[in-house]
Amino acid sequence: MRRYLFRRLLLLIPTLYFVVSLVFLLIHLIPGDPVDFILGERAMAADRERLTHELKLDQPLWEQHVSFVKELLRGDLGRSLYDHRSVSGLLREKFPATFKLAVAAMFVALAIGIPFGLIAAIWKDGGVDHSAMLFALLGISIPHFYLGPLLILIFSIHFGWFPVAGDEAWLSLVLPAFTLGTALAAILSRMTRAAMLEVMRADYVRTARAKGLSEWRVRLKHAFRSALLPVVTIVGLQFGALLAGTVVTEKIFNWPGIGSLMLGGIERRDYPVVQGCVLTIAFTFIAVNLLTDLFYAWLDPRVKLGRE
């Protein structure tokens, strides 16, 4: 386990450098000039040159990249080109809201997806199974930008049960979390159903039945735990997707998180802010992926990490 963990941490170095370089390059390929946004297109040429020099945008791209990596190694993500606030400070303000939304969406996905998949597998090819799979199909098919406004129209405006937008109370979290977690719930339900049906045909399950154990004990104690193994992997991988998916959801519900911050940075061509947001999401995804691998090994003792 220790050797595997050490090797994974070593592999993080080139992975993180590749992510940092790719993000830097893509951000600087965004059309538009931040100087035009700050000063306006009618600004004097001298003012434009002065601001371009202050922002170091007159340097070659490779020099800007080297400078960015050096500052990043010191833990400095730079300052916003728009209001000169520390990007690290902005992320500390916004990331907790995004993380809270992603965790809530994950809870919604687990609470809906796994039970639906389990029930569909137990009553295979019945009405319950078809209903659960229909839900899964709808959950995957409906995009966030359509589901979010639809939920607002029904449950906020028509019934008045939940706030329309913002982060004023815990009720404000319900609709954004459901919007963000529905697609993952659909994926988990399909995976749980498929895994359960496969495990139920395994030899050790037939052996448990032959010993006279009740069908419910066989399903829940023996089959269900093994069926969760591939689901755990998907949960870890999809958590990063949830963080990235908050961009659209936060915009719909006016949620004060990284997604709103990043969209504002893109509109203003605020390179440091966009870079900081994307890197924060990427680093979180990599960390969660590593923890998922370790948890999978603990859950399934057949996995020999030291030999991988």
C-alpha atoms as a PDB file:
ATOM      1  CA  MET A   1       0.000   0.000   0.000  1.00  0.00           C
ATOM      2  CA  ARG A   2       2.768   2.458   0.927  1.00  0.00           C
ATOM      3  CA  ARG A   3       4.752   1.713  -2.216  1.00  0.00           C
ATOM      4  CA  TYR A   4       1.662   2.167  -4.355  1.00  0.00           C
ATOM      5  CA  LEU A   5       0.820   5.441  -2.643  1.00  0.00           C
ATOM      6  CA  PHE A   6       4.397   6.692  -3.099  1.00  0.00           C
ATOM      7  CA  ARG A   7       4.338   5.773  -6.792  1.00  0.00           C
ATOM      8  CA  ARG A   8       1.005   7.512  -7.310  1.00  0.00           C
ATOM      9  CA  LEU A   9       2.303  10.654  -5.606  1.00  0.00           C
ATOM     10  CA  LEU A  10       5.341  10.642  -7.908  1.00  0.00           C
ATOM     11  CA  LEU A  11       3.073  10.336 -10.935  1.00  0.00           C
ATOM     12  CA  LEU A  12       1.161  13.367  -9.709  1.00  0.00           C
ATOM     13  CA  ILE A  13       4.127  15.628 -10.531  1.00  0.00           C
ATOM     14  CA  PRO A  14       4.057  15.224 -14.354  1.00  0.00           C
ATOM     15  CA  THR A  15       0.269  15.003 -14.276  1.00  0.00           C
ATOM     16  CA  LEU A  16      -0.086  18.301 -12.446  1.00  0.00           C
ATOM     17  CA  TYR A  17       2.481  19.989 -14.695  1.00  0.00           C
ATOM     18  CA  PHE A  18       0.611  18.808 -17.785  1.00  0.00           C
ATOM     19  CA  VAL A  19      -2.675  20.093 -16.354  1.00  0.00           C
ATOM     20  CA  VAL A  20      -1.124  23.454 -15.428  1.00  0.00           C
ATOM     21  CA  SER A  21       0.434  23.862 -18.892  1.00  0.00           C
ATOM     22  CA  LEU A  22      -2.730  22.830 -20.720  1.00  0.00           C
ATOM     23  CA  VAL A  23      -4.911  25.174 -18.673  1.00  0.00           C
ATOM     24  CA  PHE A  24      -2.475  28.056 -19.206  1.00  0.00           C
ATOM     25  CA  LEU A  25      -2.412  27.503 -22.968  1.00  0.00           C
ATOM     26  CA  LEU A  26      -6.180  27.127 -23.358  1.00  0.00           C
ATOM     27  CA  ILE A  27      -6.915  30.194 -21.252  1.00  0.00           C
ATOM     28  CA  HIS A  28      -4.619  32.344 -23.387  1.00  0.00           C
ATOM     29  CA  LEU A  29      -6.305  31.072 -26.547  1.00  0.00           C
ATOM     30  CA  ILE A  30      -9.608  32.642 -25.468  1.00  0.00           C
ATOM     31  CA  PRO A  31     -10.432  35.380 -28.018  1.00  0.00           C
ATOM     32  CA  GLY A  32     -10.335  38.954 -26.773  1.00  0.00           C
ATOM     33  CA  ASP A  33      -7.963  41.254 -24.933  1.00  0.00           C
ATOM     34  CA  PRO A  34      -8.367  41.964 -21.197  1.00  0.00           C
ATOM     35  CA  VAL A  35      -6.945  45.443 -21.813  1.00  0.00           C
ATOM     36  CA  ASP A  36      -9.921  46.241 -24.059  1.00  0.00           C
ATOM     37  CA  PHE A  37     -12.317  45.154 -21.337  1.00  0.00           C
ATOM     38  CA  ILE A  38     -10.599  47.160 -18.594  1.00  0.00           C
ATOM     39  CA  LEU A  39      -9.923  50.384 -20.525  1.00  0.00           C
ATOM     40  CA  GLY A  40     -12.431  50.114 -23.343  1.00  0.00           C
ATOM     41  CA  GLU A  41     -11.705  49.934 -27.041  1.00  0.00           C
ATOM     42  CA  ARG A  42     -11.420  53.739 -27.339  1.00  0.00           C
ATOM     43  CA  ALA A  43      -8.566  54.049 -24.833  1.00  0.00           C
ATOM     44  CA  MET A  44      -5.414  55.944 -25.782  1.00  0.00           C
ATOM     45  CA  ALA A  45      -2.583  53.880 -27.232  1.00  0.00           C
ATOM     46  CA  ALA A  46      -0.206  55.032 -24.471  1.00  0.00           C
ATOM     47  CA  ASP A  47      -2.619  53.884 -21.771  1.00  0.00           C
ATOM     48  CA  ARG A  48      -3.043  50.550 -23.503  1.00  0.00           C
ATOM     49  CA  GLU A  49       0.711  50.012 -23.726  1.00  0.00           C
ATOM     50  CA  ARG A  50       1.201  50.957 -20.077  1.00  0.00           C
ATOM     51  CA  LEU A  51      -1.502  48.566 -18.843  1.00  0.00           C
ATOM     52  CA  THR A  52      -0.292  45.784 -21.149  1.00  0.00           C
ATOM     53  CA  HIS A  53       3.195  46.147 -19.647  1.00  0.00           C
ATOM     54  CA  GLU A  54       1.843  46.214 -16.076  1.00  0.00           C
ATOM     55  CA  LEU A  55      -0.098  43.007 -16.686  1.00  0.00           C
ATOM     56  CA  LYS A  56       2.975  41.445 -18.357  1.00  0.00           C
ATOM     57  CA  LEU A  57       0.911  40.661 -21.421  1.00  0.00           C
ATOM     58  CA  ASP A  58       3.652  42.052 -23.670  1.00  0.00           C
ATOM     59  CA  GLN A  59       5.967  39.181 -22.725  1.00  0.00           C
ATOM     60  CA  PRO A  60       6.296  36.082 -24.934  1.00  0.00           C
ATOM     61  CA  LEU A  61       3.873  33.335 -24.017  1.00  0.00           C
ATOM     62  CA  TRP A  62       6.603  30.992 -22.793  1.00  0.00           C
ATOM     63  CA  GLU A  63       7.920  33.665 -20.393  1.00  0.00           C
ATOM     64  CA  GLN A  64       4.415  34.193 -19.030  1.00  0.00           C
ATOM     65  CA  HIS A  65       4.127  30.425 -18.564  1.00  0.00           C
ATOM     66  CA  VAL A  66       7.422  30.139 -16.677  1.00  0.00           C
ATOM     67  CA  SER A  67       6.468  33.072 -14.470  1.00  0.00           C
ATOM     68  CA  PHE A  68       3.062  31.528 -13.774  1.00  0.00           C
ATOM     69  CA  VAL A  69       4.559  28.144 -12.802  1.00  0.00           C
ATOM     70  CA  LYS A  70       7.087  29.804 -10.470  1.00  0.00           C
ATOM     71  CA  GLU A  71       4.357  31.784  -8.737  1.00  0.00           C
ATOM     72  CA  LEU A  72       2.171  28.674  -8.528  1.00  0.00           C
ATOM     73  CA  LEU A  73       4.961  26.733  -6.784  1.00  0.00           C
ATOM     74  CA  ARG A  74       5.013  29.484  -4.166  1.00  0.00           C
ATOM     75  CA  GLY A  75       1.260  29.110  -3.719  1.00  0.00           C
ATOM     76  CA  ASP A  76       0.538  32.398  -5.495  1.00  0.00           C
ATOM     77  CA  LEU A  77      -2.201  32.257  -8.125  1.00  0.00           C
ATOM     78  CA  GLY A  78      -1.759  35.922  -8.958  1.00  0.00           C
ATOM     79  CA  ARG A  79      -4.253  38.754  -8.841  1.00  0.00           C
ATOM     80  CA  SER A  80      -7.384  39.484 -10.779  1.00  0.00           C
ATOM     81  CA  LEU A  81      -6.748  41.689 -13.799  1.00  0.00           C
ATOM     82  CA  TYR A  82     -10.090  43.361 -13.192  1.00  0.00           C
ATOM     83  CA  ASP A  83     -10.104  44.398  -9.511  1.00  0.00           C
ATOM     84  CA  HIS A  84      -6.574  43.322  -8.426  1.00  0.00           C
ATOM     85  CA  ARG A  85      -7.904  41.042  -5.678  1.00  0.00           C
ATOM     86  CA  SER A  86      -5.911  37.950  -4.771  1.00  0.00           C
ATOM     87  CA  VAL A  87      -7.111  34.931  -6.745  1.00  0.00           C
ATOM     88  CA  SER A  88      -6.303  32.674  -3.794  1.00  0.00           C
ATOM     89  CA  GLY A  89      -8.501  34.858  -1.598  1.00  0.00           C
ATOM     90  CA  LEU A  90     -11.351  34.731  -4.114  1.00  0.00           C
ATOM     91  CA  LEU A  91     -11.119  30.942  -4.286  1.00  0.00           C
ATOM     92  CA  ARG A  92     -11.148  30.636  -0.503  1.00  0.00           C
ATOM     93  CA  GLU A  93     -14.379  32.634  -0.510  1.00  0.00           C
ATOM     94  CA  LYS A  94     -16.086  30.750  -3.349  1.00  0.00           C
ATOM     95  CA  PHE A  95     -14.828  27.160  -3.144  1.00  0.00           C
ATOM     96  CA  PRO A  96     -16.745  26.179   0.042  1.00  0.00           C
ATOM     97  CA  ALA A  97     -20.071  26.979  -1.658  1.00  0.00           C
ATOM     98  CA  THR A  98     -19.133  24.941  -4.738  1.00  0.00           C
ATOM     99  CA  PHE A  99     -17.889  22.033  -2.632  1.00  0.00           C
ATOM    100  CA  LYS A 100     -21.079  22.100  -0.561  1.00  0.00           C
ATOM    101  CA  LEU A 101     -23.194  21.994  -3.713  1.00  0.00           C
ATOM    102  CA  ALA A 102     -21.154  19.118  -5.187  1.00  0.00           C
ATOM    103  CA  VAL A 103     -21.375  17.087  -1.958  1.00  0.00           C
ATOM    104  CA  ALA A 104     -25.137  17.697  -1.746  1.00  0.00           C
ATOM    105  CA  ALA A 105     -25.543  16.645  -5.389  1.00  0.00           C
ATOM    106  CA  MET A 106     -23.509  13.509  -4.703  1.00  0.00           C
ATOM    107  CA  PHE A 107     -25.760  12.725  -1.734  1.00  0.00           C
ATOM    108  CA  VAL A 108     -28.834  13.130  -3.953  1.00  0.00           C
ATOM    109  CA  ALA A 109     -27.296  10.865  -6.589  1.00  0.00           C
ATOM    110  CA  LEU A 110     -26.398   8.147  -4.072  1.00  0.00           C
ATOM    111  CA  ALA A 111     -29.733   8.359  -2.249  1.00  0.00           C
ATOM    112  CA  ILE A 112     -31.698   7.976  -5.484  1.00  0.00           C
ATOM    113  CA  GLY A 113     -29.463   6.066  -7.881  1.00  0.00           C
ATOM    114  CA  ILE A 114     -28.305   3.113  -5.771  1.00  0.00           C
ATOM    115  CA  PRO A 115     -31.746   2.205  -4.311  1.00  0.00           C
ATOM    116  CA  PHE A 116     -33.342   2.525  -7.766  1.00  0.00           C
ATOM    117  CA  GLY A 117     -30.694   0.251  -9.281  1.00  0.00           C
ATOM    118  CA  LEU A 118     -31.026  -2.275  -6.463  1.00  0.00           C
ATOM    119  CA  ILE A 119     -34.821  -2.392  -6.727  1.00  0.00           C
ATOM    120  CA  ALA A 120     -34.653  -2.672 -10.521  1.00  0.00           C
ATOM    121  CA  ALA A 121     -32.274  -5.638 -10.240  1.00  0.00           C
ATOM    122  CA  ILE A 122     -34.383  -7.438  -7.632  1.00  0.00           C
ATOM    123  CA  TRP A 123     -37.570  -7.104  -9.704  1.00  0.00           C
ATOM    124  CA  LYS A 124     -35.865  -7.554 -13.067  1.00  0.00           C
ATOM    125  CA  ASP A 125     -38.044  -7.150 -16.183  1.00  0.00           C
ATOM    126  CA  GLY A 126     -41.036  -6.083 -14.095  1.00  0.00           C
ATOM    127  CA  GLY A 127     -42.884  -2.807 -13.938  1.00  0.00           C
ATOM    128  CA  VAL A 128     -40.587  -1.466 -11.219  1.00  0.00           C
ATOM    129  CA  ASP A 129     -37.529  -2.287 -13.326  1.00  0.00           C
ATOM    130  CA  HIS A 130     -38.925  -0.558 -16.412  1.00  0.00           C
ATOM    131  CA  SER A 131     -39.954   2.500 -14.368  1.00  0.00           C
ATOM    132  CA  ALA A 132     -36.501   2.799 -12.792  1.00  0.00           C
ATOM    133  CA  MET A 133     -34.745   2.505 -16.147  1.00  0.00           C
ATOM    134  CA  LEU A 134     -37.122   5.079 -17.645  1.00  0.00           C
ATOM    135  CA  PHE A 135     -36.091   7.452 -14.864  1.00  0.00           C
ATOM    136  CA  ALA A 136     -32.447   6.703 -15.668  1.00  0.00           C
ATOM    137  CA  LEU A 137     -32.998   7.473 -19.341  1.00  0.00           C
ATOM    138  CA  LEU A 138     -34.723  10.770 -18.541  1.00  0.00           C
ATOM    139  CA  GLY A 139     -32.052  11.708 -16.010  1.00  0.00           C
ATOM    140  CA  ILE A 140     -29.269  11.243 -18.535  1.00  0.00           C
ATOM    141  CA  SER A 141     -31.177  12.928 -21.379  1.00  0.00           C
ATOM    142  CA  ILE A 142     -32.361  16.153 -19.709  1.00  0.00           C
ATOM    143  CA  PRO A 143     -29.585  18.802 -19.590  1.00  0.00           C
ATOM    144  CA  HIS A 144     -28.981  20.976 -16.535  1.00  0.00           C
ATOM    145  CA  PHE A 145     -29.833  24.205 -18.354  1.00  0.00           C
ATOM    146  CA  TYR A 146     -33.345  22.844 -19.018  1.00  0.00           C
ATOM    147  CA  LEU A 147     -33.981  20.947 -15.777  1.00  0.00           C
ATOM    148  CA  GLY A 148     -32.885  23.820 -13.519  1.00  0.00           C
ATOM    149  CA  PRO A 149     -35.312  26.462 -14.865  1.00  0.00           C
ATOM    150  CA  LEU A 150     -38.071  23.822 -14.982  1.00  0.00           C
ATOM    151  CA  LEU A 151     -37.614  23.040 -11.272  1.00  0.00           C
ATOM    152  CA  ILE A 152     -37.569  26.762 -10.453  1.00  0.00           C
ATOM    153  CA  LEU A 153     -40.799  27.298 -12.393  1.00  0.00           C
ATOM    154  CA  ILE A 154     -42.597  24.417 -10.667  1.00  0.00           C
ATOM    155  CA  PHE A 155     -41.289  24.335  -7.097  1.00  0.00           C
ATOM    156  CA  SER A 156     -40.202  27.950  -6.544  1.00  0.00           C
ATOM    157  CA  ILE A 157     -42.560  30.112  -8.573  1.00  0.00           C
ATOM    158  CA  HIS A 158     -45.696  27.933  -8.735  1.00  0.00           C
ATOM    159  CA  PHE A 159     -45.659  26.198  -5.333  1.00  0.00           C
ATOM    160  CA  GLY A 160     -43.276  28.563  -3.524  1.00  0.00           C
ATOM    161  CA  TRP A 161     -41.604  25.734  -1.615  1.00  0.00           C
ATOM    162  CA  PHE A 162     -37.991  26.714  -2.299  1.00  0.00           C
ATOM    163  CA  PRO A 163     -36.107  29.987  -2.903  1.00  0.00           C
ATOM    164  CA  VAL A 164     -35.637  30.942  -6.539  1.00  0.00           C
ATOM    165  CA  ALA A 165     -31.897  31.579  -6.238  1.00  0.00           C
ATOM    166  CA  GLY A 166     -29.062  32.401  -3.871  1.00  0.00           C
ATOM    167  CA  ASP A 167     -27.568  30.706  -0.822  1.00  0.00           C
ATOM    168  CA  GLU A 168     -29.573  32.175   2.032  1.00  0.00           C
ATOM    169  CA  ALA A 169     -30.759  28.976   3.770  1.00  0.00           C
ATOM    170  CA  TRP A 170     -30.472  25.207   3.488  1.00  0.00           C
ATOM    171  CA  LEU A 171     -33.636  25.159   1.367  1.00  0.00           C
ATOM    172  CA  SER A 172     -31.687  27.079  -1.276  1.00  0.00           C
ATOM    173  CA  LEU A 173     -29.511  23.987  -1.709  1.00  0.00           C
ATOM    174  CA  VAL A 174     -32.297  21.540  -2.593  1.00  0.00           C
ATOM    175  CA  LEU A 175     -33.073  22.490  -6.198  1.00  0.00           C
ATOM    176  CA  PRO A 176     -29.446  23.094  -7.305  1.00  0.00           C
ATOM    177  CA  ALA A 177     -28.356  19.802  -5.727  1.00  0.00           C
ATOM    178  CA  PHE A 178     -31.203  17.900  -7.388  1.00  0.00           C
ATOM    179  CA  THR A 179     -30.444  19.549 -10.746  1.00  0.00           C
ATOM    180  CA  LEU A 180     -26.767  18.665 -10.521  1.00  0.00           C
ATOM    181  CA  GLY A 181     -27.217  15.178  -9.085  1.00  0.00           C
ATOM    182  CA  THR A 182     -29.980  13.839 -11.346  1.00  0.00           C
ATOM    183  CA  ALA A 183     -27.708  12.771 -14.208  1.00  0.00           C
ATOM    184  CA  LEU A 184     -25.316  11.006 -11.833  1.00  0.00           C
ATOM    185  CA  ALA A 185     -28.247   9.312 -10.085  1.00  0.00           C
ATOM    186  CA  ALA A 186     -29.334   7.924 -13.449  1.00  0.00           C
ATOM    187  CA  ILE A 187     -25.824   6.619 -14.167  1.00  0.00           C
ATOM    188  CA  LEU A 188     -25.543   5.020 -10.721  1.00  0.00           C
ATOM    189  CA  SER A 189     -28.930   3.327 -11.021  1.00  0.00           C
ATOM    190  CA  ARG A 190     -27.989   1.718 -14.335  1.00  0.00           C
ATOM    191  CA  MET A 191     -24.583   0.631 -13.024  1.00  0.00           C
ATOM    192  CA  THR A 192     -25.993  -0.749  -9.768  1.00  0.00           C
ATOM    193  CA  ARG A 193     -28.610  -2.745 -11.654  1.00  0.00           C
ATOM    194  CA  ALA A 194     -26.057  -4.188 -14.089  1.00  0.00           C
ATOM    195  CA  ALA A 195     -23.572  -5.011 -11.312  1.00  0.00           C
ATOM    196  CA  MET A 196     -26.237  -6.673  -9.151  1.00  0.00           C
ATOM    197  CA  LEU A 197     -27.482  -8.838 -12.022  1.00  0.00           C
ATOM    198  CA  GLU A 198     -23.934  -9.943 -12.774  1.00  0.00           C
ATOM    199  CA  VAL A 199     -23.078 -10.702  -9.145  1.00  0.00           C
ATOM    200  CA  MET A 200     -26.300 -12.662  -8.598  1.00  0.00           C
ATOM    201  CA  ARG A 201     -25.018 -15.214 -11.139  1.00  0.00           C
ATOM    202  CA  ALA A 202     -21.694 -15.686  -9.308  1.00  0.00           C
ATOM    203  CA  ASP A 203     -20.738 -19.036  -7.758  1.00  0.00           C
ATOM    204  CA  TYR A 204     -20.453 -17.731  -4.195  1.00  0.00           C
ATOM    205  CA  VAL A 205     -24.012 -16.361  -4.385  1.00  0.00           C
ATOM    206  CA  ARG A 206     -25.303 -19.766  -5.455  1.00  0.00           C
ATOM    207  CA  THR A 207     -23.293 -21.301  -2.610  1.00  0.00           C
ATOM    208  CA  ALA A 208     -24.914 -18.907  -0.125  1.00  0.00           C
ATOM    209  CA  ARG A 209     -28.342 -19.956  -1.400  1.00  0.00           C
ATOM    210  CA  ALA A 210     -27.376 -23.629  -1.112  1.00  0.00           C
ATOM    211  CA  LYS A 211     -26.512 -23.079   2.556  1.00  0.00           C
ATOM    212  CA  GLY A 212     -30.123 -22.140   3.178  1.00  0.00           C
ATOM    213  CA  LEU A 213     -29.668 -18.387   3.644  1.00  0.00           C
ATOM    214  CA  SER A 214     -32.727 -16.259   2.961  1.00  0.00           C
ATOM    215  CA  GLU A 215     -32.938 -14.598  -0.428  1.00  0.00           C
ATOM    216  CA  TRP A 216     -32.894 -11.098   1.097  1.00  0.00           C
ATOM    217  CA  ARG A 217     -29.762 -11.917   3.109  1.00  0.00           C
ATOM    218  CA  VAL A 218     -28.056 -13.292   0.016  1.00  0.00           C
ATOM    219  CA  ARG A 219     -28.917 -10.193  -1.978  1.00  0.00           C
ATOM    220  CA  LEU A 220     -28.105  -7.538   0.605  1.00  0.00           C
ATOM    221  CA  LYS A 221     -25.215  -9.084   2.538  1.00  0.00           C
ATOM    222  CA  HIS A 222     -23.365 -11.029  -0.157  1.00  0.00           C
ATOM    223  CA  ALA A 223     -24.331  -9.672  -3.564  1.00  0.00           C
ATOM    224  CA  PHE A 224     -24.892  -5.996  -2.829  1.00  0.00           C
ATOM    225  CA  ARG A 225     -21.427  -5.342  -1.343  1.00  0.00           C
ATOM    226  CA  SER A 226     -19.675  -6.866  -4.349  1.00  0.00           C
ATOM    227  CA  ALA A 227     -21.945  -4.945  -6.698  1.00  0.00           C
ATOM    228  CA  LEU A 228     -20.873  -1.689  -5.060  1.00  0.00           C
ATOM    229  CA  LEU A 229     -17.228  -2.072  -6.161  1.00  0.00           C
ATOM    230  CA  PRO A 230     -17.635  -0.653  -9.703  1.00  0.00           C
ATOM    231  CA  VAL A 231     -20.077   1.926  -8.348  1.00  0.00           C
ATOM    232  CA  VAL A 232     -17.432   3.254  -5.934  1.00  0.00           C
ATOM    233  CA  THR A 233     -15.063   3.856  -8.848  1.00  0.00           C
ATOM    234  CA  ILE A 234     -17.702   5.772 -10.777  1.00  0.00           C
ATOM    235  CA  VAL A 235     -18.574   7.872  -7.724  1.00  0.00           C
ATOM    236  CA  GLY A 236     -14.974   9.017  -7.351  1.00  0.00           C
ATOM    237  CA  LEU A 237     -14.583   9.852 -11.019  1.00  0.00           C
ATOM    238  CA  GLN A 238     -17.941  11.599 -11.230  1.00  0.00           C
ATOM    239  CA  PHE A 239     -17.254  13.860  -8.254  1.00  0.00           C
ATOM    240  CA  GLY A 240     -14.831  15.817 -10.421  1.00  0.00           C
ATOM    241  CA  ALA A 241     -17.508  16.018 -13.092  1.00  0.00           C
ATOM    242  CA  LEU A 242     -19.921  17.379 -10.483  1.00  0.00           C
ATOM    243  CA  LEU A 243     -17.453  20.146  -9.615  1.00  0.00           C
ATOM    244  CA  ALA A 244     -17.139  21.054 -13.287  1.00  0.00           C
ATOM    245  CA  GLY A 245     -20.899  20.788 -13.748  1.00  0.00           C
ATOM    246  CA  THR A 246     -21.531  23.388 -11.082  1.00  0.00           C
ATOM    247  CA  VAL A 247     -20.619  26.103 -13.606  1.00  0.00           C
ATOM    248  CA  VAL A 248     -23.984  25.908 -15.391  1.00  0.00           C
ATOM    249  CA  THR A 249     -25.987  25.101 -12.259  1.00  0.00           C
ATOM    250  CA  GLU A 250     -24.491  27.992 -10.290  1.00  0.00           C
ATOM    251  CA  LYS A 251     -25.334  30.375 -13.101  1.00  0.00           C
ATOM    252  CA  ILE A 252     -28.965  29.195 -13.200  1.00  0.00           C
ATOM    253  CA  PHE A 253     -29.489  29.441  -9.430  1.00  0.00           C
ATOM    254  CA  ASN A 254     -27.184  32.430  -8.837  1.00  0.00           C
ATOM    255  CA  TRP A 255     -25.122  30.230  -6.530  1.00  0.00           C
ATOM    256  CA  PRO A 256     -22.057  32.083  -5.124  1.00  0.00           C
ATOM    257  CA  GLY A 257     -19.412  29.507  -6.034  1.00  0.00           C
ATOM    258  CA  ILE A 258     -16.437  28.931  -8.294  1.00  0.00           C
ATOM    259  CA  GLY A 259     -18.652  28.422 -11.343  1.00  0.00           C
ATOM    260  CA  SER A 260     -20.029  31.953 -11.188  1.00  0.00           C
ATOM    261  CA  LEU A 261     -16.534  33.289 -10.515  1.00  0.00           C
ATOM    262  CA  MET A 262     -15.115  31.452 -13.525  1.00  0.00           C
ATOM    263  CA  LEU A 263     -17.861  32.606 -15.897  1.00  0.00           C
ATOM    264  CA  GLY A 264     -17.264  36.188 -14.810  1.00  0.00           C
ATOM    265  CA  GLY A 265     -13.547  35.714 -15.428  1.00  0.00           C
ATOM    266  CA  ILE A 266     -14.184  34.355 -18.923  1.00  0.00           C
ATOM    267  CA  GLU A 267     -16.450  37.285 -19.791  1.00  0.00           C
ATOM    268  CA  ARG A 268     -13.787  39.777 -18.612  1.00  0.00           C
ATOM    269  CA  ARG A 269     -10.814  37.818 -20.049  1.00  0.00           C
ATOM    270  CA  ASP A 270      -9.467  37.672 -16.499  1.00  0.00           C
ATOM    271  CA  TYR A 271      -6.793  35.025 -17.067  1.00  0.00           C
ATOM    272  CA  PRO A 272      -5.590  34.558 -13.460  1.00  0.00           C
ATOM    273  CA  VAL A 273      -9.134  34.054 -12.139  1.00  0.00           C
ATOM    274  CA  VAL A 274     -10.075  31.510 -14.820  1.00  0.00           C
ATOM    275  CA  GLN A 275      -6.770  29.664 -14.372  1.00  0.00           C
ATOM    276  CA  GLY A 276      -7.240  29.539 -10.618  1.00  0.00           C
ATOM    277  CA  CYS A 277     -10.793  28.180 -10.913  1.00  0.00           C
ATOM    278  CA  VAL A 278      -9.919  25.497 -13.461  1.00  0.00           C
ATOM    279  CA  LEU A 279      -6.805  24.403 -11.562  1.00  0.00           C
ATOM    280  CA  THR A 280      -8.739  24.179  -8.299  1.00  0.00           C
ATOM    281  CA  ILE A 281     -11.316  21.900  -9.923  1.00  0.00           C
ATOM    282  CA  ALA A 282      -8.584  19.839 -11.617  1.00  0.00           C
ATOM    283  CA  PHE A 283      -6.524  19.428  -8.432  1.00  0.00           C
ATOM    284  CA  THR A 284      -9.624  18.428  -6.468  1.00  0.00           C
ATOM    285  CA  PHE A 285     -10.540  15.869  -9.116  1.00  0.00           C
ATOM    286  CA  ILE A 286      -7.030  14.346  -9.036  1.00  0.00           C
ATOM    287  CA  ALA A 287      -7.054  14.151  -5.230  1.00  0.00           C
ATOM    288  CA  VAL A 288     -10.503  12.537  -5.130  1.00  0.00           C
ATOM    289  CA  ASN A 289      -9.448  10.060  -7.816  1.00  0.00           C
ATOM    290  CA  LEU A 290      -6.435   9.015  -5.718  1.00  0.00           C
ATOM    291  CA  LEU A 291      -8.583   8.569  -2.615  1.00  0.00           C
ATOM    292  CA  THR A 292     -11.060   6.521  -4.648  1.00  0.00           C
ATOM    293  CA  ASP A 293      -8.323   4.119  -5.746  1.00  0.00           C
ATOM    294  CA  LEU A 294      -7.192   3.637  -2.150  1.00  0.00           C
ATOM    295  CA  PHE A 295     -10.757   3.123  -0.930  1.00  0.00           C
ATOM    296  CA  TYR A 296     -11.414   0.617  -3.713  1.00  0.00           C
ATOM    297  CA  ALA A 297      -8.370  -1.384  -2.617  1.00  0.00           C
ATOM    298  CA  TRP A 298      -9.617  -1.389   0.969  1.00  0.00           C
ATOM    299  CA  LEU A 299     -13.093  -2.434  -0.120  1.00  0.00           C
ATOM    300  CA  ASP A 300     -11.846  -5.240  -2.378  1.00  0.00           C
ATOM    301  CA  PRO A 301      -8.913  -7.159  -0.838  1.00  0.00           C
ATOM    302  CA  ARG A 302      -8.396  -8.976  -4.150  1.00  0.00           C
ATOM    303  CA  VAL A 303      -6.757  -5.816  -5.536  1.00  0.00           C
ATOM    304  CA  LYS A 304      -2.978  -6.021  -5.066  1.00  0.00           C
ATOM    305  CA  LEU A 305      -1.800  -2.442  -5.233  1.00  0.00           C
ATOM    306  CA  GLY A 306       1.833  -3.232  -4.740  1.00  0.00           C
ATOM    307  CA  ARG A 307       1.932  -5.273  -7.963  1.00  0.00           C
ATOM    308  CA  GLU A 308       0.153  -2.802 -10.230  1.00  0.00           C
END
